[in-house]
Every structure is written in structure tokens, then in C-alpha cells.
N, C-alpha and C. Protein backbone atom coordinates (compact mmCIF):
# COMPACT_ATOMS: atom_id res chain seq x y z
N UNK A 1 30.94 -54.06 -0.44
CA UNK A 1 29.48 -54.18 -0.72
C UNK A 1 29.02 -53.00 0.30
N UNK A 2 29.83 -52.30 1.16
CA UNK A 2 29.60 -51.02 1.77
C UNK A 2 29.77 -49.35 0.63
N UNK A 3 30.23 -49.98 -0.42
CA UNK A 3 29.92 -48.93 -1.35
C UNK A 3 29.52 -48.74 -2.23
N UNK A 4 28.16 -50.06 -2.11
CA UNK A 4 27.02 -49.71 -2.87
C UNK A 4 25.43 -49.67 -2.13
N UNK A 5 26.22 -49.70 -0.78
CA UNK A 5 24.96 -48.96 0.12
C UNK A 5 25.35 -48.00 0.41
N UNK A 6 26.61 -47.04 0.32
CA UNK A 6 26.24 -45.94 0.30
C UNK A 6 26.29 -45.37 -0.94
N UNK A 7 26.19 -45.49 -1.58
CA UNK A 7 26.08 -45.36 -3.66
C UNK A 7 24.48 -45.05 -3.32
N UNK A 8 24.14 -45.98 -2.98
CA UNK A 8 22.62 -46.48 -2.69
C UNK A 8 21.78 -45.50 -1.85
N UNK A 9 22.13 -45.73 -0.81
CA UNK A 9 22.08 -43.90 -0.38
C UNK A 9 22.05 -42.60 -0.66
N UNK A 10 23.12 -42.22 -0.94
CA UNK A 10 23.42 -41.33 -2.02
C UNK A 10 22.88 -40.83 -3.05
N UNK A 11 22.97 -41.79 -4.00
CA UNK A 11 21.43 -41.86 -4.85
C UNK A 11 19.96 -41.81 -4.74
N UNK A 12 19.23 -41.99 -3.37
CA UNK A 12 18.30 -42.32 -3.29
C UNK A 12 18.01 -40.72 -2.40
N UNK A 13 19.39 -40.38 -1.51
CA UNK A 13 18.99 -38.67 -1.20
C UNK A 13 18.48 -37.82 -2.09
N UNK A 14 20.09 -37.96 -3.47
CA UNK A 14 20.09 -37.37 -4.65
C UNK A 14 18.62 -37.03 -5.61
N UNK A 15 17.78 -38.15 -5.77
CA UNK A 15 16.36 -38.95 -5.95
C UNK A 15 15.42 -37.65 -5.57
N UNK A 16 15.41 -37.54 -4.10
CA UNK A 16 15.05 -36.48 -2.99
C UNK A 16 14.78 -35.24 -3.21
N UNK A 17 16.03 -34.82 -4.19
CA UNK A 17 15.83 -33.46 -3.71
C UNK A 17 15.04 -32.67 -5.20
N UNK A 18 14.71 -30.89 -5.47
CA UNK A 18 14.16 -30.97 -6.61
C UNK A 18 14.82 -30.15 -7.14
N UNK A 19 14.52 -30.15 -7.95
CA UNK A 19 14.92 -29.30 -8.90
C UNK A 19 15.03 -27.65 -8.95
N UNK A 20 15.53 -26.70 -9.33
CA UNK A 20 16.05 -25.41 -8.40
C UNK A 20 14.87 -24.42 -9.14
N UNK A 21 14.40 -23.98 -7.91
CA UNK A 21 12.74 -23.13 -8.70
C UNK A 21 13.34 -21.65 -9.26
N UNK A 22 12.57 -21.39 -10.15
CA UNK A 22 13.00 -20.27 -11.33
C UNK A 22 11.99 -19.35 -10.37
N UNK A 23 12.46 -18.47 -10.04
CA UNK A 23 11.35 -17.04 -9.70
C UNK A 23 9.79 -17.07 -10.08
N UNK A 24 8.73 -17.13 -10.00
CA UNK A 24 7.71 -17.49 -10.88
C UNK A 24 7.52 -15.57 -11.83
N UNK A 25 6.99 -15.27 -11.99
CA UNK A 25 6.70 -14.50 -13.33
C UNK A 25 5.76 -13.29 -11.78
N UNK A 26 5.95 -11.97 -12.17
CA UNK A 26 5.51 -10.52 -11.54
C UNK A 26 4.06 -11.43 -11.32
N UNK A 27 3.28 -11.58 -9.97
CA UNK A 27 1.98 -11.32 -10.55
C UNK A 27 1.23 -12.51 -10.76
N UNK A 28 2.09 -13.81 -11.29
CA UNK A 28 1.69 -14.94 -11.24
C UNK A 28 1.53 -15.80 -10.01
N UNK A 29 0.13 -16.31 -9.92
CA UNK A 29 0.26 -16.56 -8.52
C UNK A 29 -0.70 -19.02 -9.11
N UNK A 30 -1.26 -19.93 -8.41
CA UNK A 30 -1.33 -20.72 -8.48
C UNK A 30 -1.93 -20.82 -9.61
N UNK A 31 -3.54 -19.77 -9.50
CA UNK A 31 -4.71 -19.79 -10.45
C UNK A 31 -4.60 -19.29 -11.41
N UNK A 32 -2.93 -18.20 -11.47
CA UNK A 32 -2.88 -17.68 -12.82
C UNK A 32 -2.35 -18.09 -13.56
N UNK A 33 -3.14 -18.25 -15.31
CA UNK A 33 -2.23 -18.61 -16.72
C UNK A 33 -1.30 -17.94 -16.81
N UNK A 34 -1.38 -16.47 -16.81
CA UNK A 34 -0.82 -15.19 -17.34
C UNK A 34 -1.03 -13.84 -17.13
N UNK A 35 -0.20 -13.00 -16.46
CA UNK A 35 -0.40 -11.61 -16.71
C UNK A 35 -0.26 -10.90 -17.76
N UNK A 36 -0.77 -10.21 -18.35
CA UNK A 36 -0.21 -9.77 -19.57
C UNK A 36 -0.92 -7.52 -19.08
N UNK A 37 -0.11 -7.09 -19.80
CA UNK A 37 -0.32 -5.44 -19.99
C UNK A 37 -0.59 -5.01 -20.84
N UNK A 38 -2.00 -4.63 -20.83
CA UNK A 38 -2.35 -3.36 -22.37
C UNK A 38 -2.28 -2.32 -22.37
N UNK A 39 -2.66 -1.77 -22.95
CA UNK A 39 -2.34 -0.56 -23.38
C UNK A 39 -3.33 0.07 -24.75
N UNK A 40 -4.93 1.19 -24.48
CA UNK A 40 -5.74 1.12 -25.57
C UNK A 40 -5.20 2.17 -26.06
N UNK A 41 -6.16 2.39 -27.16
CA UNK A 41 -5.89 3.82 -27.92
C UNK A 41 -6.42 5.00 -27.48
N UNK A 42 -7.55 4.87 -26.12
CA UNK A 42 -8.46 6.00 -25.62
C UNK A 42 -7.55 5.96 -24.52
N UNK A 43 -6.34 5.36 -23.99
CA UNK A 43 -5.46 5.83 -23.14
C UNK A 43 -6.17 5.23 -21.92
N UNK A 44 -6.42 4.58 -21.96
CA UNK A 44 -6.97 2.88 -20.56
C UNK A 44 -5.74 2.16 -20.69
N UNK A 45 -5.33 1.94 -19.58
CA UNK A 45 -4.52 1.10 -18.91
C UNK A 45 -4.84 0.22 -18.50
N UNK A 46 -4.12 -1.30 -18.47
CA UNK A 46 -4.87 -2.26 -17.76
C UNK A 46 -3.93 -3.26 -18.06
N UNK A 47 -3.86 -4.32 -16.92
CA UNK A 47 -2.85 -5.75 -16.53
C UNK A 47 -4.23 -6.95 -16.66
N UNK A 48 -4.04 -7.56 -17.09
CA UNK A 48 -5.02 -8.61 -17.29
C UNK A 48 -4.15 -9.87 -17.40
N UNK A 49 -5.13 -10.62 -15.58
CA UNK A 49 -4.71 -11.48 -14.82
C UNK A 49 -5.55 -12.49 -15.63
N UNK A 50 -5.17 -13.85 -16.48
CA UNK A 50 -5.99 -14.72 -17.00
C UNK A 50 -5.88 -15.56 -15.56
N UNK A 51 -7.02 -16.15 -15.14
CA UNK A 51 -7.39 -17.12 -14.26
C UNK A 51 -7.50 -18.05 -14.76
N UNK A 52 -7.12 -19.52 -14.10
CA UNK A 52 -7.61 -20.85 -13.99
C UNK A 52 -9.07 -21.58 -13.53
N UNK A 53 -9.45 -20.92 -12.38
CA UNK A 53 -10.56 -21.69 -11.60
C UNK A 53 -11.00 -20.31 -10.96
N UNK A 54 -11.90 -19.59 -10.60
CA UNK A 54 -12.87 -19.77 -12.39
C UNK A 54 -11.96 -19.36 -13.51
N UNK A 55 -12.92 -19.80 -14.96
CA UNK A 55 -12.30 -19.21 -16.42
C UNK A 55 -12.61 -17.96 -16.06
N UNK A 56 -11.93 -17.28 -15.88
CA UNK A 56 -12.27 -15.63 -16.26
C UNK A 56 -10.48 -14.65 -16.08
N UNK A 57 -10.80 -13.64 -16.18
CA UNK A 57 -9.73 -13.05 -16.26
C UNK A 57 -10.25 -11.79 -15.19
N UNK A 58 -9.10 -11.22 -14.92
CA UNK A 58 -9.69 -10.12 -13.77
C UNK A 58 -8.53 -9.00 -14.54
N UNK A 59 -8.89 -7.18 -14.44
CA UNK A 59 -8.78 -6.26 -15.01
C UNK A 59 -7.79 -5.67 -13.97
N UNK A 60 -7.04 -4.80 -14.12
CA UNK A 60 -6.29 -4.25 -13.04
C UNK A 60 -5.76 -3.14 -14.04
N UNK A 61 -6.50 -1.65 -13.14
CA UNK A 61 -6.57 -0.69 -14.12
C UNK A 61 -5.56 -0.03 -13.16
N UNK A 62 -4.87 1.52 -14.13
CA UNK A 62 -3.96 1.87 -13.19
C UNK A 62 -4.16 3.04 -12.38
N UNK A 63 -5.61 2.76 -12.20
CA UNK A 63 -6.10 4.03 -11.06
C UNK A 63 -6.38 3.20 -9.91
N UNK A 64 -5.99 1.55 -10.19
CA UNK A 64 -6.30 0.66 -8.40
C UNK A 64 -7.32 0.20 -8.76
N UNK A 65 -8.58 0.31 -9.75
CA UNK A 65 -10.04 -0.68 -10.01
C UNK A 65 -9.63 -1.99 -10.27
N UNK A 66 -10.57 -3.04 -9.95
CA UNK A 66 -10.14 -3.97 -10.43
C UNK A 66 -11.69 -4.24 -10.89
N UNK A 67 -11.20 -5.35 -11.95
CA UNK A 67 -13.17 -6.01 -12.65
C UNK A 67 -12.60 -7.38 -13.01
N UNK A 68 -13.31 -8.15 -12.37
CA UNK A 68 -13.34 -9.82 -13.05
C UNK A 68 -14.41 -10.27 -13.73
N UNK A 69 -14.08 -11.03 -15.05
CA UNK A 69 -14.86 -11.22 -15.96
C UNK A 69 -15.33 -12.38 -16.41
N UNK A 70 -16.22 -12.85 -16.82
CA UNK A 70 -15.54 -14.33 -16.52
C UNK A 70 -15.83 -14.86 -18.30
N UNK A 71 -15.28 -16.32 -18.39
CA UNK A 71 -15.37 -16.54 -19.72
C UNK A 71 -16.08 -16.39 -20.19
N UNK A 72 -17.04 -16.53 -21.92
CA UNK A 72 -18.10 -16.41 -22.40
C UNK A 72 -17.35 -17.05 -24.19
N UNK A 73 -18.68 -17.96 -24.65
CA UNK A 73 -18.47 -18.46 -25.47
C UNK A 73 -17.82 -16.96 -26.61
N UNK A 74 -16.81 -17.82 -27.42
CA UNK A 74 -16.57 -16.69 -29.13
C UNK A 74 -16.70 -18.18 -29.92
N UNK A 75 -16.94 -17.48 -31.57
CA UNK A 75 -16.63 -17.72 -32.30
C UNK A 75 -14.74 -17.66 -32.50
N UNK A 76 -13.82 -16.93 -31.93
CA UNK A 76 -12.97 -16.44 -32.20
C UNK A 76 -11.85 -16.16 -30.78
N UNK A 77 -11.03 -16.39 -30.56
CA UNK A 77 -10.45 -15.40 -29.57
C UNK A 77 -10.49 -15.82 -28.04
N UNK A 78 -10.39 -15.35 -27.12
CA UNK A 78 -11.18 -15.60 -25.60
C UNK A 78 -11.60 -13.90 -25.08
N UNK A 79 -12.84 -14.79 -25.07
CA UNK A 79 -14.29 -13.16 -24.77
C UNK A 79 -14.40 -13.88 -23.15
N UNK A 80 -14.32 -12.58 -23.02
CA UNK A 80 -14.79 -12.24 -21.57
C UNK A 80 -15.72 -11.42 -20.93
N UNK A 81 -16.93 -11.07 -20.44
CA UNK A 81 -18.07 -10.17 -20.63
C UNK A 81 -19.33 -10.15 -19.03
N UNK A 82 -19.28 -9.18 -19.04
CA UNK A 82 -20.75 -9.72 -17.88
C UNK A 82 -21.21 -8.47 -19.01
N UNK A 83 -22.80 -7.74 -17.50
CA UNK A 83 -23.64 -7.41 -18.64
C UNK A 83 -23.37 -5.85 -19.13
N UNK A 84 -21.98 -5.64 -17.95
CA UNK A 84 -21.88 -4.10 -18.40
C UNK A 84 -20.86 -3.93 -19.12
N UNK A 85 -19.80 -5.55 -19.36
CA UNK A 85 -17.87 -4.78 -19.16
C UNK A 85 -17.34 -5.96 -20.65
N UNK A 86 -16.84 -5.72 -21.31
CA UNK A 86 -16.47 -7.17 -22.22
C UNK A 86 -15.10 -6.56 -22.88
N UNK A 87 -14.24 -7.26 -22.54
CA UNK A 87 -13.05 -7.49 -22.71
C UNK A 87 -13.01 -9.02 -23.72
N UNK A 88 -11.84 -8.90 -24.82
CA UNK A 88 -11.68 -9.92 -26.06
C UNK A 88 -10.80 -9.89 -26.56
N UNK A 89 -9.43 -10.82 -26.40
CA UNK A 89 -9.31 -10.56 -26.78
C UNK A 89 -8.49 -11.78 -28.20
N UNK A 90 -7.55 -11.45 -29.01
CA UNK A 90 -6.56 -12.36 -29.70
C UNK A 90 -5.39 -12.28 -29.93
N UNK A 91 -4.25 -13.07 -30.03
CA UNK A 91 -2.52 -12.99 -29.95
C UNK A 91 -2.27 -11.34 -29.07
N UNK A 92 -1.96 -10.52 -29.87
CA UNK A 92 -1.62 -9.43 -29.00
C UNK A 92 -2.47 -8.33 -29.39
N UNK A 93 -4.01 -8.60 -29.24
CA UNK A 93 -4.75 -7.63 -29.57
C UNK A 93 -5.70 -7.60 -29.06
N UNK A 94 -6.52 -6.67 -28.55
CA UNK A 94 -7.34 -6.79 -27.11
C UNK A 94 -8.54 -5.92 -27.64
N UNK A 95 -9.71 -5.66 -27.84
CA UNK A 95 -11.16 -4.68 -27.46
C UNK A 95 -11.43 -4.84 -25.95
N UNK A 96 -11.59 -3.84 -25.72
CA UNK A 96 -12.06 -2.94 -24.28
C UNK A 96 -13.35 -1.80 -24.28
N UNK A 97 -14.44 -3.21 -24.13
CA UNK A 97 -15.68 -1.99 -23.93
C UNK A 97 -16.30 -1.81 -21.99
N UNK A 98 -16.65 -0.87 -21.52
CA UNK A 98 -17.00 0.04 -20.58
C UNK A 98 -18.25 0.57 -20.93
N UNK A 99 -19.67 -0.04 -20.55
CA UNK A 99 -20.81 0.05 -20.61
C UNK A 99 -21.34 0.15 -21.79
N UNK A 100 -21.90 1.86 -22.23
CA UNK A 100 -22.27 1.97 -23.89
C UNK A 100 -21.56 2.59 -24.55
N UNK A 101 -20.10 2.97 -24.24
CA UNK A 101 -18.61 3.70 -24.97
C UNK A 101 -18.69 2.48 -26.46
N UNK A 102 -18.28 2.79 -27.21
CA UNK A 102 -17.33 2.20 -28.11
C UNK A 102 -16.23 1.33 -27.74
N UNK A 103 -16.46 -0.06 -28.43
CA UNK A 103 -15.03 -0.72 -27.57
C UNK A 103 -13.97 0.17 -28.22
N UNK A 104 -12.91 -0.32 -27.18
CA UNK A 104 -11.22 0.67 -27.26
C UNK A 104 -10.22 -0.46 -27.36
N UNK A 105 -9.76 -0.28 -28.83
CA UNK A 105 -8.75 -1.04 -29.60
C UNK A 105 -7.27 -1.48 -28.81
N UNK A 106 -7.18 -2.36 -27.87
CA UNK A 106 -5.72 -2.26 -26.99
C UNK A 106 -4.28 -3.43 -28.28
N UNK A 107 -3.46 -3.25 -26.91
CA UNK A 107 -2.24 -4.17 -27.77
C UNK A 107 -1.60 -4.20 -26.41
N UNK A 108 -0.77 -5.38 -26.35
CA UNK A 108 -0.23 -5.74 -25.49
C UNK A 108 1.29 -4.54 -25.21
N UNK A 109 1.33 -4.30 -24.20
CA UNK A 109 2.39 -3.02 -24.11
C UNK A 109 2.97 -3.94 -24.17
N UNK A 110 4.57 -2.65 -24.19
CA UNK A 110 5.59 -3.45 -24.63
C UNK A 110 7.07 -2.55 -24.14
């Protein structure tokens, strides 16, 4: 009988332990779906942190500047925009527009 009690206690303690946690990807937080680095044909480089709440993207540029754009409706891909900036991506490709400049074609940095 003692063996069954000890086995039950050991099983209960083992069930309470959690599986080993792997280190999160660089830059990920609870509020982040993914962080992806982009490079554009005009030389602009940035990382895009796709946020869960609010549904937005935070762009971090090589010079340290940050920009958060809310998610807006699009027919295809994921589009984030404000009155002066737009980031629109689909797969490994994106366009980034700042102000009245022409949209820059960007790709995931590898």
C-alpha cells in the first residue's frame, strides 16, 4: 500500500512540473507576435515588431527612431498606417512610405 501512495505522490509532483522553457526569440515579449528585420532598396533598414494589443506594428530604425502604426483594413497582406506613414507587407516583401516620398520596396533581411 505504501508503494502505491509513494508512487501517487511522485506522479503528482511530476505532473506539477512544467516542461523546460526555451528562450524566446530576440525582441519578443508577451505582446509581440513576431519581430522581423527588413532592408529597403533605398537603404532604409528597420525591424518590425508585430503587436497583439493594440493590433499594430512598431518599426525601429537603425538610427534609433521608433514609429508605431495601427493596423488598417487591406484587401491583401497586412497594412499599418497613420496620416503620414504606411507599412504594408505580404510574405517576405513590404513597402514603406514616409510622408510624400515614393513607397520603398523592402524585403526581409537574411
